[in-house]
């Protein structure tokens, strides 16, 4: 699906295809499952 959405975006310039490409590329980052080091430090300081 990721490959298809990139090829479709490259051929048409359709923004929705690009957004689908981005969404399928990093599902954990977008869901918040992965925290950056800075976010982890801020969370620890808050406790």
C-alpha atoms as a PDB file:
ATOM      1  CA  UNK A   1       0.000   0.000   0.000  1.00  0.00           C
ATOM      2  CA  UNK A   2       2.845   2.381   0.849  1.00  0.00           C
ATOM      3  CA  UNK A   3       4.561   1.824  -2.486  1.00  0.00           C
ATOM      4  CA  UNK A   4       1.327   2.268  -4.430  1.00  0.00           C
ATOM      5  CA  UNK A   5       0.422   5.495  -2.642  1.00  0.00           C
ATOM      6  CA  UNK A   6       3.877   6.963  -3.341  1.00  0.00           C
ATOM      7  CA  UNK A   7       3.738   6.027  -7.028  1.00  0.00           C
ATOM      8  CA  UNK A   8       0.212   7.446  -7.317  1.00  0.00           C
ATOM      9  CA  UNK A   9       1.329  10.665  -5.619  1.00  0.00           C
ATOM     10  CA  UNK A  10       4.375  10.940  -7.869  1.00  0.00           C
ATOM     11  CA  UNK A  11       2.242  10.521 -10.988  1.00  0.00           C
ATOM     12  CA  UNK A  12      -0.690  12.729 -10.002  1.00  0.00           C
ATOM     13  CA  UNK A  13       0.466  15.072  -7.232  1.00  0.00           C
ATOM     14  CA  UNK A  14      -2.628  14.084  -5.232  1.00  0.00           C
ATOM     15  CA  UNK A  15      -2.181  15.328  -1.663  1.00  0.00           C
ATOM     16  CA  UNK A  16      -4.413  12.596  -0.246  1.00  0.00           C
ATOM     17  CA  UNK A  17      -2.112   9.954  -1.733  1.00  0.00           C
ATOM     18  CA  UNK A  18       0.864  11.637  -0.055  1.00  0.00           C
ATOM     19  CA  UNK A  19      -0.935  11.741   3.280  1.00  0.00           C
ATOM     20  CA  UNK A  20      -1.750   8.047   2.941  1.00  0.00           C
ATOM     21  CA  UNK A  21       1.918   7.390   2.168  1.00  0.00           C
ATOM     22  CA  UNK A  22       2.987   9.271   5.295  1.00  0.00           C
ATOM     23  CA  UNK A  23       0.364   7.554   7.431  1.00  0.00           C
ATOM     24  CA  UNK A  24       1.379   4.051   6.357  1.00  0.00           C
ATOM     25  CA  UNK A  25       5.062   4.830   6.848  1.00  0.00           C
ATOM     26  CA  UNK A  26       5.035   5.617  10.545  1.00  0.00           C
ATOM     27  CA  UNK A  27       1.939   4.261  12.285  1.00  0.00           C
ATOM     28  CA  UNK A  28       3.567   4.068  15.728  1.00  0.00           C
ATOM     29  CA  UNK A  29       4.906   7.611  15.674  1.00  0.00           C
ATOM     30  CA  UNK A  30       1.560   9.094  14.701  1.00  0.00           C
ATOM     31  CA  UNK A  31      -0.338   7.122  17.323  1.00  0.00           C
ATOM     32  CA  UNK A  32       1.998   8.397  20.036  1.00  0.00           C
ATOM     33  CA  UNK A  33       3.330   4.938  20.850  1.00  0.00           C
ATOM     34  CA  UNK A  34       6.889   6.149  20.431  1.00  0.00           C
ATOM     35  CA  UNK A  35       8.100   9.057  22.511  1.00  0.00           C
ATOM     36  CA  UNK A  36      11.103  11.151  21.697  1.00  0.00           C
ATOM     37  CA  UNK A  37      13.868  11.483  24.242  1.00  0.00           C
ATOM     38  CA  UNK A  38      12.738  15.041  25.006  1.00  0.00           C
ATOM     39  CA  UNK A  39       9.141  13.929  25.593  1.00  0.00           C
ATOM     40  CA  UNK A  40      10.362  11.171  27.923  1.00  0.00           C
ATOM     41  CA  UNK A  41      12.425  13.672  29.928  1.00  0.00           C
ATOM     42  CA  UNK A  42       9.475  16.073  30.194  1.00  0.00           C
ATOM     43  CA  UNK A  43       7.228  13.240  31.360  1.00  0.00           C
ATOM     44  CA  UNK A  44       9.744  12.214  34.034  1.00  0.00           C
ATOM     45  CA  UNK A  45      10.081  15.820  35.251  1.00  0.00           C
ATOM     46  CA  UNK A  46       6.303  16.135  35.563  1.00  0.00           C
ATOM     47  CA  UNK A  47       6.157  13.203  37.955  1.00  0.00           C
END
